[in-house]
Amino acid sequence: MSSANDSIKNVIIVALSLCIVCSVIVSAAAVLLKPIQVKNKTLNLKENVLRSAGMLPENATKKEIEQIFDTIIPKIVDLETGEYVEPDVAGYATVGNFDQKKVQSNPATSKALSSSEDIAGIKRRERYAKVYLVTEDGQISRVILPVRGYGLWSTLYGYLTLKGDADTVIGLGFYDHKETPGLGAEVDNPSWKAQWPGKEIYNDNWQPATTLVKGNVNPNSPTAKYSVDSLSGATLTAKGVENLMRYWMGPSGFKTFLEKVRAGEANNV
């Protein structure tokens, strides 16, 4: 009887010891790998910004990515006023520390949207946003804007880059989403993304006019310059992209800021 009890006791001791050892190993690995994960996440963000801006060379090395990214100027914009603000206004010590997702989820720096306002399905809109600027001869030549909106299954997070006219698209790319492979996930397809450069965001009345068209865009249509082919078999994802473009280019998004860019009032970078 004693032998059986000793056997059970030994099994429990061995099992607990293994659990403790495994826990220590997992915790140590998490701590040791965290700096690498943060570094990779930061590099990935830089790649996505540069890719949207058409500034990412093919097969670029980490060093090249860092060097090119360092030529871009990050700024924090107050979406209500369209003005640049210092990081501390948004609750951060530096622009580099600014966390867009935390700002959008913090009630102190964001607001809940009503169903009529929330055409992009984002629920809350932050007051402050980090934008990236490329300048030439003291003038803004490219504006890189963070955009997001709900598709079919998920929120699509991406960057939209416009020329210095604050209207002509240079590139659009999404870096995070969970849309259906082969359908909504075709937002990652290079052929689909290649349709965006050269498109215009605003109509003659400076209202957001982006439209995703079922089938093929008619090049002879007067709205062709605002239109992109839709995603085949992914109606809701396509509608989500159209909605997020109209929201973020509208008065609740970056329109006030872009008006200042267009008027040359945002060159004080």
C-alpha atoms as a PDB file:
ATOM      1  CA  MET A   1       0.000   0.000   0.000  1.00  0.00           C
ATOM      2  CA  SER A   2       2.831   2.330   0.930  1.00  0.00           C
ATOM      3  CA  SER A   3       4.595   1.450  -2.292  1.00  0.00           C
ATOM      4  CA  ALA A   4       1.494   2.394  -4.340  1.00  0.00           C
ATOM      5  CA  ASN A   5       1.171   5.690  -2.503  1.00  0.00           C
ATOM      6  CA  ASP A   6       4.861   6.423  -3.049  1.00  0.00           C
ATOM      7  CA  SER A   7       4.455   5.653  -6.743  1.00  0.00           C
ATOM      8  CA  ILE A   8       1.512   8.092  -7.097  1.00  0.00           C
ATOM      9  CA  LYS A   9       3.422  10.701  -5.115  1.00  0.00           C
ATOM     10  CA  ASN A  10       6.453  10.350  -7.372  1.00  0.00           C
ATOM     11  CA  VAL A  11       4.315  10.674 -10.498  1.00  0.00           C
ATOM     12  CA  ILE A  12       2.742  13.871  -9.155  1.00  0.00           C
ATOM     13  CA  ILE A  13       6.152  15.300  -8.209  1.00  0.00           C
ATOM     14  CA  VAL A  14       7.580  14.506 -11.638  1.00  0.00           C
ATOM     15  CA  ALA A  15       4.539  15.985 -13.398  1.00  0.00           C
ATOM     16  CA  LEU A  16       4.663  19.191 -11.338  1.00  0.00           C
ATOM     17  CA  SER A  17       8.408  19.473 -11.888  1.00  0.00           C
ATOM     18  CA  LEU A  18       7.938  19.152 -15.648  1.00  0.00           C
ATOM     19  CA  CYS A  19       5.192  21.778 -15.594  1.00  0.00           C
ATOM     20  CA  ILE A  20       7.395  24.201 -13.685  1.00  0.00           C
ATOM     21  CA  VAL A  21      10.380  23.598 -15.967  1.00  0.00           C
ATOM     22  CA  CYS A  22       8.234  24.022 -19.094  1.00  0.00           C
ATOM     23  CA  SER A  23       6.689  27.197 -17.700  1.00  0.00           C
ATOM     24  CA  VAL A  24      10.121  28.650 -16.987  1.00  0.00           C
ATOM     25  CA  ILE A  25      11.336  27.767 -20.495  1.00  0.00           C
ATOM     26  CA  VAL A  26       8.260  29.252 -22.177  1.00  0.00           C
ATOM     27  CA  SER A  27       8.419  32.428 -20.072  1.00  0.00           C
ATOM     28  CA  ALA A  28      12.141  32.829 -20.695  1.00  0.00           C
ATOM     29  CA  ALA A  29      11.655  32.322 -24.435  1.00  0.00           C
ATOM     30  CA  ALA A  30       8.868  34.919 -24.495  1.00  0.00           C
ATOM     31  CA  VAL A  31      11.054  37.455 -22.700  1.00  0.00           C
ATOM     32  CA  LEU A  32      14.098  36.759 -24.844  1.00  0.00           C
ATOM     33  CA  LEU A  33      12.172  36.788 -28.130  1.00  0.00           C
ATOM     34  CA  LYS A  34      10.095  39.896 -27.409  1.00  0.00           C
ATOM     35  CA  PRO A  35      12.762  42.401 -28.573  1.00  0.00           C
ATOM     36  CA  ILE A  36      13.123  40.437 -31.833  1.00  0.00           C
ATOM     37  CA  GLN A  37       9.346  40.345 -32.306  1.00  0.00           C
ATOM     38  CA  VAL A  38       9.058  44.105 -31.693  1.00  0.00           C
ATOM     39  CA  LYS A  39      11.905  44.763 -34.122  1.00  0.00           C
ATOM     40  CA  ASN A  40      10.300  42.590 -36.811  1.00  0.00           C
ATOM     41  CA  LYS A  41       6.910  44.243 -36.263  1.00  0.00           C
ATOM     42  CA  THR A  42       8.491  47.677 -36.664  1.00  0.00           C
ATOM     43  CA  LEU A  43      10.313  46.599 -39.825  1.00  0.00           C
ATOM     44  CA  ASN A  44       7.071  45.176 -41.220  1.00  0.00           C
ATOM     45  CA  LEU A  45       5.292  48.497 -40.608  1.00  0.00           C
ATOM     46  CA  LYS A  46       8.055  50.359 -42.437  1.00  0.00           C
ATOM     47  CA  GLU A  47       7.846  47.941 -45.366  1.00  0.00           C
ATOM     48  CA  ASN A  48       4.085  48.468 -45.633  1.00  0.00           C
ATOM     49  CA  VAL A  49       4.397  52.243 -45.511  1.00  0.00           C
ATOM     50  CA  LEU A  50       7.069  52.222 -48.220  1.00  0.00           C
ATOM     51  CA  ARG A  51       5.163  49.719 -50.355  1.00  0.00           C
ATOM     52  CA  SER A  52       2.057  51.892 -50.266  1.00  0.00           C
ATOM     53  CA  ALA A  53       4.149  54.905 -51.235  1.00  0.00           C
ATOM     54  CA  GLY A  54       5.792  53.077 -54.150  1.00  0.00           C
ATOM     55  CA  MET A  55       9.164  53.502 -52.446  1.00  0.00           C
ATOM     56  CA  LEU A  56      10.048  49.895 -51.606  1.00  0.00           C
ATOM     57  CA  PRO A  57      12.693  48.485 -53.964  1.00  0.00           C
ATOM     58  CA  GLU A  58      12.350  44.844 -54.953  1.00  0.00           C
ATOM     59  CA  ASN A  59      14.330  42.548 -52.629  1.00  0.00           C
ATOM     60  CA  ALA A  60      15.301  45.496 -50.422  1.00  0.00           C
ATOM     61  CA  THR A  61      17.550  44.664 -47.480  1.00  0.00           C
ATOM     62  CA  LYS A  62      16.721  45.675 -43.914  1.00  0.00           C
ATOM     63  CA  LYS A  63      19.383  48.359 -44.116  1.00  0.00           C
ATOM     64  CA  GLU A  64      17.910  49.779 -47.330  1.00  0.00           C
ATOM     65  CA  ILE A  65      14.408  49.773 -45.823  1.00  0.00           C
ATOM     66  CA  GLU A  66      15.650  51.658 -42.765  1.00  0.00           C
ATOM     67  CA  GLN A  67      17.557  54.180 -44.870  1.00  0.00           C
ATOM     68  CA  ILE A  68      14.602  54.932 -47.152  1.00  0.00           C
ATOM     69  CA  PHE A  69      12.150  55.085 -44.267  1.00  0.00           C
ATOM     70  CA  ASP A  70      14.366  57.621 -42.498  1.00  0.00           C
ATOM     71  CA  THR A  71      13.692  60.051 -45.370  1.00  0.00           C
ATOM     72  CA  ILE A  72       9.975  60.031 -44.512  1.00  0.00           C
ATOM     73  CA  ILE A  73       8.623  62.508 -41.979  1.00  0.00           C
ATOM     74  CA  PRO A  74       6.071  61.184 -39.442  1.00  0.00           C
ATOM     75  CA  LYS A  75       3.596  63.699 -38.054  1.00  0.00           C
ATOM     76  CA  ILE A  76       0.595  63.540 -35.754  1.00  0.00           C
ATOM     77  CA  VAL A  77      -2.541  65.174 -37.129  1.00  0.00           C
ATOM     78  CA  ASP A  78      -5.605  66.335 -35.228  1.00  0.00           C
ATOM     79  CA  LEU A  79      -8.436  65.056 -37.410  1.00  0.00           C
ATOM     80  CA  GLU A  80     -10.830  67.675 -36.067  1.00  0.00           C
ATOM     81  CA  THR A  81      -8.694  70.648 -37.109  1.00  0.00           C
ATOM     82  CA  GLY A  82      -6.417  69.149 -39.755  1.00  0.00           C
ATOM     83  CA  GLU A  83      -3.456  70.661 -37.905  1.00  0.00           C
ATOM     84  CA  TYR A  84      -0.221  69.014 -36.812  1.00  0.00           C
ATOM     85  CA  VAL A  85       0.078  68.551 -33.049  1.00  0.00           C
ATOM     86  CA  GLU A  86       2.953  67.651 -30.779  1.00  0.00           C
ATOM     87  CA  PRO A  87       3.004  64.037 -29.502  1.00  0.00           C
ATOM     88  CA  ASP A  88       2.312  65.067 -25.893  1.00  0.00           C
ATOM     89  CA  VAL A  89      -1.075  66.478 -26.953  1.00  0.00           C
ATOM     90  CA  ALA A  90      -2.051  62.933 -27.906  1.00  0.00           C
ATOM     91  CA  GLY A  91      -0.500  61.554 -24.728  1.00  0.00           C
ATOM     92  CA  TYR A  92       2.857  60.376 -26.095  1.00  0.00           C
ATOM     93  CA  ALA A  93       6.440  61.470 -25.485  1.00  0.00           C
ATOM     94  CA  THR A  94       7.553  61.071 -29.104  1.00  0.00           C
ATOM     95  CA  VAL A  95       6.018  60.493 -32.521  1.00  0.00           C
ATOM     96  CA  GLY A  96       7.786  57.134 -32.610  1.00  0.00           C
ATOM     97  CA  ASN A  97       5.939  55.972 -29.490  1.00  0.00           C
ATOM     98  CA  PHE A  98       2.530  56.914 -30.868  1.00  0.00           C
ATOM     99  CA  ASP A  99       0.243  53.864 -30.943  1.00  0.00           C
ATOM    100  CA  GLN A 100      -2.663  54.293 -33.346  1.00  0.00           C
ATOM    101  CA  LYS A 101      -4.678  51.324 -32.065  1.00  0.00           C
ATOM    102  CA  LYS A 102      -4.414  52.444 -28.441  1.00  0.00           C
ATOM    103  CA  VAL A 103      -5.467  55.971 -29.377  1.00  0.00           C
ATOM    104  CA  GLN A 104      -8.530  54.687 -31.244  1.00  0.00           C
ATOM    105  CA  SER A 105      -9.625  52.474 -28.338  1.00  0.00           C
ATOM    106  CA  ASN A 106      -9.058  55.090 -25.609  1.00  0.00           C
ATOM    107  CA  PRO A 107     -12.299  57.010 -24.820  1.00  0.00           C
ATOM    108  CA  ALA A 108     -10.183  60.056 -23.940  1.00  0.00           C
ATOM    109  CA  THR A 109      -8.705  60.245 -27.437  1.00  0.00           C
ATOM    110  CA  SER A 110     -11.522  58.803 -29.558  1.00  0.00           C
ATOM    111  CA  LYS A 111     -15.274  58.917 -29.926  1.00  0.00           C
ATOM    112  CA  ALA A 112     -17.976  56.328 -30.498  1.00  0.00           C
ATOM    113  CA  LEU A 113     -19.677  56.546 -33.875  1.00  0.00           C
ATOM    114  CA  SER A 114     -23.397  56.277 -34.494  1.00  0.00           C
ATOM    115  CA  SER A 115     -24.606  53.772 -37.080  1.00  0.00           C
ATOM    116  CA  SER A 116     -25.266  56.579 -39.558  1.00  0.00           C
ATOM    117  CA  GLU A 117     -21.741  57.957 -39.117  1.00  0.00           C
ATOM    118  CA  ASP A 118     -19.969  54.618 -39.123  1.00  0.00           C
ATOM    119  CA  ILE A 119     -20.032  53.735 -42.824  1.00  0.00           C
ATOM    120  CA  ALA A 120     -16.620  52.050 -42.473  1.00  0.00           C
ATOM    121  CA  GLY A 121     -17.691  49.819 -39.571  1.00  0.00           C
ATOM    122  CA  ILE A 122     -14.904  50.958 -37.229  1.00  0.00           C
ATOM    123  CA  LYS A 123     -17.114  51.719 -34.171  1.00  0.00           C
ATOM    124  CA  ARG A 124     -14.755  54.370 -32.783  1.00  0.00           C
ATOM    125  CA  ARG A 125     -12.778  57.096 -34.509  1.00  0.00           C
ATOM    126  CA  GLU A 126      -9.592  58.436 -32.981  1.00  0.00           C
ATOM    127  CA  ARG A 127      -9.001  62.171 -32.798  1.00  0.00           C
ATOM    128  CA  TYR A 128      -5.299  61.866 -33.633  1.00  0.00           C
ATOM    129  CA  ALA A 129      -3.610  59.943 -36.426  1.00  0.00           C
ATOM    130  CA  LYS A 130      -0.015  59.415 -37.492  1.00  0.00           C
ATOM    131  CA  VAL A 131       0.629  60.320 -41.107  1.00  0.00           C
ATOM    132  CA  TYR A 132       3.848  60.055 -43.100  1.00  0.00           C
ATOM    133  CA  LEU A 133       5.079  62.758 -45.440  1.00  0.00           C
ATOM    134  CA  VAL A 134       7.599  62.829 -48.274  1.00  0.00           C
ATOM    135  CA  THR A 135       8.854  66.262 -49.281  1.00  0.00           C
ATOM    136  CA  GLU A 136      10.707  67.657 -52.267  1.00  0.00           C
ATOM    137  CA  ASP A 137      12.099  71.206 -52.275  1.00  0.00           C
ATOM    138  CA  GLY A 138      10.109  72.001 -49.153  1.00  0.00           C
ATOM    139  CA  GLN A 139       6.810  70.861 -50.638  1.00  0.00           C
ATOM    140  CA  ILE A 140       4.833  67.742 -49.758  1.00  0.00           C
ATOM    141  CA  SER A 141       5.073  65.290 -52.653  1.00  0.00           C
ATOM    142  CA  ARG A 142       3.464  62.244 -51.031  1.00  0.00           C
ATOM    143  CA  VAL A 143       1.044  61.823 -48.130  1.00  0.00           C
ATOM    144  CA  ILE A 144       0.765  58.372 -46.535  1.00  0.00           C
ATOM    145  CA  LEU A 145      -2.416  57.863 -44.522  1.00  0.00           C
ATOM    146  CA  PRO A 146      -3.529  54.998 -42.254  1.00  0.00           C
ATOM    147  CA  VAL A 147      -6.979  53.683 -43.232  1.00  0.00           C
ATOM    148  CA  ARG A 148      -9.186  50.882 -41.975  1.00  0.00           C
ATOM    149  CA  GLY A 149     -12.679  49.503 -42.347  1.00  0.00           C
ATOM    150  CA  TYR A 150     -14.724  46.346 -41.944  1.00  0.00           C
ATOM    151  CA  GLY A 151     -14.961  43.884 -44.813  1.00  0.00           C
ATOM    152  CA  LEU A 152     -16.771  40.543 -44.604  1.00  0.00           C
ATOM    153  CA  TRP A 153     -15.000  38.870 -41.681  1.00  0.00           C
ATOM    154  CA  SER A 154     -12.562  41.389 -40.344  1.00  0.00           C
ATOM    155  CA  THR A 155     -11.259  44.924 -40.143  1.00  0.00           C
ATOM    156  CA  LEU A 156      -8.854  45.682 -42.969  1.00  0.00           C
ATOM    157  CA  TYR A 157      -5.898  47.834 -41.901  1.00  0.00           C
ATOM    158  CA  GLY A 158      -3.842  49.545 -44.561  1.00  0.00           C
ATOM    159  CA  TYR A 159      -2.111  52.617 -45.930  1.00  0.00           C
ATOM    160  CA  LEU A 160      -3.224  54.911 -48.727  1.00  0.00           C
ATOM    161  CA  THR A 161      -0.672  57.165 -50.405  1.00  0.00           C
ATOM    162  CA  LEU A 162      -1.666  60.281 -52.335  1.00  0.00           C
ATOM    163  CA  LYS A 163       0.402  62.692 -54.371  1.00  0.00           C
ATOM    164  CA  GLY A 164       1.012  66.202 -53.079  1.00  0.00           C
ATOM    165  CA  ASP A 165      -2.196  67.312 -54.793  1.00  0.00           C
ATOM    166  CA  ALA A 166      -4.005  65.386 -52.015  1.00  0.00           C
ATOM    167  CA  ASP A 167      -6.151  63.709 -54.649  1.00  0.00           C
ATOM    168  CA  THR A 168      -4.206  61.372 -56.953  1.00  0.00           C
ATOM    169  CA  VAL A 169      -3.529  57.867 -55.650  1.00  0.00           C
ATOM    170  CA  ILE A 170       0.017  56.518 -55.628  1.00  0.00           C
ATOM    171  CA  GLY A 171      -0.813  53.257 -53.889  1.00  0.00           C
ATOM    172  CA  LEU A 172      -3.154  51.384 -51.554  1.00  0.00           C
ATOM    173  CA  GLY A 173      -2.210  48.295 -49.566  1.00  0.00           C
ATOM    174  CA  PHE A 174      -3.588  46.325 -46.627  1.00  0.00           C
ATOM    175  CA  TYR A 175      -1.259  44.749 -44.101  1.00  0.00           C
ATOM    176  CA  ASP A 176      -3.725  43.114 -41.700  1.00  0.00           C
ATOM    177  CA  HIS A 177      -7.064  41.398 -42.353  1.00  0.00           C
ATOM    178  CA  LYS A 178      -8.795  38.008 -42.155  1.00  0.00           C
ATOM    179  CA  GLU A 179     -10.777  38.014 -45.379  1.00  0.00           C
ATOM    180  CA  THR A 180     -11.497  34.793 -47.287  1.00  0.00           C
ATOM    181  CA  PRO A 181      -8.503  33.412 -49.235  1.00  0.00           C
ATOM    182  CA  GLY A 182      -9.126  33.563 -52.963  1.00  0.00           C
ATOM    183  CA  LEU A 183     -12.039  35.995 -52.531  1.00  0.00           C
ATOM    184  CA  GLY A 184     -11.859  38.975 -50.171  1.00  0.00           C
ATOM    185  CA  ALA A 185      -8.165  38.288 -49.588  1.00  0.00           C
ATOM    186  CA  GLU A 186      -7.607  39.325 -53.202  1.00  0.00           C
ATOM    187  CA  VAL A 187      -7.083  42.820 -51.789  1.00  0.00           C
ATOM    188  CA  ASP A 188      -3.497  41.535 -51.527  1.00  0.00           C
ATOM    189  CA  ASN A 189      -3.364  40.581 -55.212  1.00  0.00           C
ATOM    190  CA  PRO A 190      -0.719  42.729 -56.971  1.00  0.00           C
ATOM    191  CA  SER A 191      -2.886  42.887 -60.118  1.00  0.00           C
ATOM    192  CA  TRP A 192      -5.802  44.380 -58.179  1.00  0.00           C
ATOM    193  CA  LYS A 193      -3.572  46.816 -56.291  1.00  0.00           C
ATOM    194  CA  ALA A 194      -2.002  47.892 -59.597  1.00  0.00           C
ATOM    195  CA  GLN A 195      -5.339  49.454 -60.607  1.00  0.00           C
ATOM    196  CA  TRP A 196      -5.154  52.134 -57.926  1.00  0.00           C
ATOM    197  CA  PRO A 197      -2.192  54.325 -58.935  1.00  0.00           C
ATOM    198  CA  GLY A 198      -3.410  57.327 -60.911  1.00  0.00           C
ATOM    199  CA  LYS A 199      -6.994  57.137 -59.683  1.00  0.00           C
ATOM    200  CA  GLU A 200      -8.509  60.275 -58.189  1.00  0.00           C
ATOM    201  CA  ILE A 201     -10.197  60.387 -54.791  1.00  0.00           C
ATOM    202  CA  TYR A 202     -12.402  63.473 -55.132  1.00  0.00           C
ATOM    203  CA  ASN A 203     -14.915  64.570 -57.752  1.00  0.00           C
ATOM    204  CA  ASP A 204     -15.197  68.124 -59.110  1.00  0.00           C
ATOM    205  CA  ASN A 205     -17.048  69.191 -55.958  1.00  0.00           C
ATOM    206  CA  TRP A 206     -14.281  67.754 -53.754  1.00  0.00           C
ATOM    207  CA  GLN A 207     -16.488  64.982 -52.444  1.00  0.00           C
ATOM    208  CA  PRO A 208     -15.080  61.442 -52.005  1.00  0.00           C
ATOM    209  CA  ALA A 209     -15.990  59.531 -55.153  1.00  0.00           C
ATOM    210  CA  THR A 210     -14.136  56.191 -55.005  1.00  0.00           C
ATOM    211  CA  THR A 211     -16.232  53.364 -56.445  1.00  0.00           C
ATOM    212  CA  LEU A 212     -15.574  49.644 -56.896  1.00  0.00           C
ATOM    213  CA  VAL A 213     -17.312  48.524 -60.070  1.00  0.00           C
ATOM    214  CA  LYS A 214     -18.625  45.022 -60.747  1.00  0.00           C
ATOM    215  CA  GLY A 215     -17.039  43.635 -63.885  1.00  0.00           C
ATOM    216  CA  ASN A 216     -14.560  45.957 -65.568  1.00  0.00           C
ATOM    217  CA  VAL A 217     -14.327  49.719 -65.358  1.00  0.00           C
ATOM    218  CA  ASN A 218     -15.371  51.352 -68.621  1.00  0.00           C
ATOM    219  CA  PRO A 219     -12.403  53.566 -69.563  1.00  0.00           C
ATOM    220  CA  ASN A 220     -14.746  55.865 -71.496  1.00  0.00           C
ATOM    221  CA  SER A 221     -16.991  56.492 -68.495  1.00  0.00           C
ATOM    222  CA  PRO A 222     -16.757  59.964 -66.912  1.00  0.00           C
ATOM    223  CA  THR A 223     -16.375  58.237 -63.543  1.00  0.00           C
ATOM    224  CA  ALA A 224     -13.549  55.927 -64.674  1.00  0.00           C
ATOM    225  CA  LYS A 225     -10.927  58.053 -62.941  1.00  0.00           C
ATOM    226  CA  TYR A 226     -12.604  57.337 -59.591  1.00  0.00           C
ATOM    227  CA  SER A 227     -13.357  53.667 -60.264  1.00  0.00           C
ATOM    228  CA  VAL A 228     -11.576  50.355 -59.680  1.00  0.00           C
ATOM    229  CA  ASP A 229     -12.656  46.837 -60.643  1.00  0.00           C
ATOM    230  CA  SER A 230     -14.454  45.129 -57.788  1.00  0.00           C
ATOM    231  CA  LEU A 231     -13.290  41.866 -56.183  1.00  0.00           C
ATOM    232  CA  SER A 232     -14.890  38.915 -57.944  1.00  0.00           C
ATOM    233  CA  GLY A 233     -17.055  36.883 -55.551  1.00  0.00           C
ATOM    234  CA  ALA A 234     -16.291  39.186 -52.630  1.00  0.00           C
ATOM    235  CA  THR A 235     -19.056  41.770 -52.714  1.00  0.00           C
ATOM    236  CA  LEU A 236     -18.978  42.623 -49.007  1.00  0.00           C
ATOM    237  CA  THR A 237     -15.196  42.970 -48.856  1.00  0.00           C
ATOM    238  CA  ALA A 238     -15.289  45.221 -51.922  1.00  0.00           C
ATOM    239  CA  LYS A 239     -18.056  47.297 -50.361  1.00  0.00           C
ATOM    240  CA  GLY A 240     -15.963  47.530 -47.210  1.00  0.00           C
ATOM    241  CA  VAL A 241     -13.014  48.914 -49.189  1.00  0.00           C
ATOM    242  CA  GLU A 242     -15.275  51.428 -50.931  1.00  0.00           C
ATOM    243  CA  ASN A 243     -16.800  52.499 -47.615  1.00  0.00           C
ATOM    244  CA  LEU A 244     -13.491  52.871 -45.809  1.00  0.00           C
ATOM    245  CA  MET A 245     -12.134  54.998 -48.658  1.00  0.00           C
ATOM    246  CA  ARG A 246     -15.157  57.284 -48.555  1.00  0.00           C
ATOM    247  CA  TYR A 247     -15.071  57.534 -44.772  1.00  0.00           C
ATOM    248  CA  TRP A 248     -11.381  58.358 -44.370  1.00  0.00           C
ATOM    249  CA  MET A 249     -11.376  60.766 -47.299  1.00  0.00           C
ATOM    250  CA  GLY A 250     -14.477  62.468 -45.930  1.00  0.00           C
ATOM    251  CA  PRO A 251     -14.917  65.214 -43.298  1.00  0.00           C
ATOM    252  CA  SER A 252     -14.772  62.731 -40.409  1.00  0.00           C
ATOM    253  CA  GLY A 253     -11.460  61.394 -41.692  1.00  0.00           C
ATOM    254  CA  PHE A 254      -8.551  63.171 -43.367  1.00  0.00           C
ATOM    255  CA  LYS A 255     -10.404  65.606 -45.604  1.00  0.00           C
ATOM    256  CA  THR A 256      -9.746  68.681 -43.433  1.00  0.00           C
ATOM    257  CA  PHE A 257      -6.045  67.850 -43.312  1.00  0.00           C
ATOM    258  CA  LEU A 258      -5.898  67.106 -47.043  1.00  0.00           C
ATOM    259  CA  GLU A 259      -7.498  70.462 -47.809  1.00  0.00           C
ATOM    260  CA  LYS A 260      -4.565  72.085 -46.025  1.00  0.00           C
ATOM    261  CA  VAL A 261      -2.108  69.934 -47.966  1.00  0.00           C
ATOM    262  CA  ARG A 262      -3.795  70.907 -51.228  1.00  0.00           C
ATOM    263  CA  ALA A 263      -3.674  74.606 -50.305  1.00  0.00           C
ATOM    264  CA  GLY A 264       0.010  74.392 -49.346  1.00  0.00           C
ATOM    265  CA  GLU A 265      -0.790  75.096 -45.684  1.00  0.00           C
ATOM    266  CA  ALA A 266       0.680  71.833 -44.381  1.00  0.00           C
ATOM    267  CA  ASN A 267       4.269  72.255 -45.601  1.00  0.00           C
ATOM    268  CA  ASN A 268       5.589  73.355 -42.202  1.00  0.00           C
ATOM    269  CA  VAL A 269       7.078  69.950 -41.490  1.00  0.00           C
END
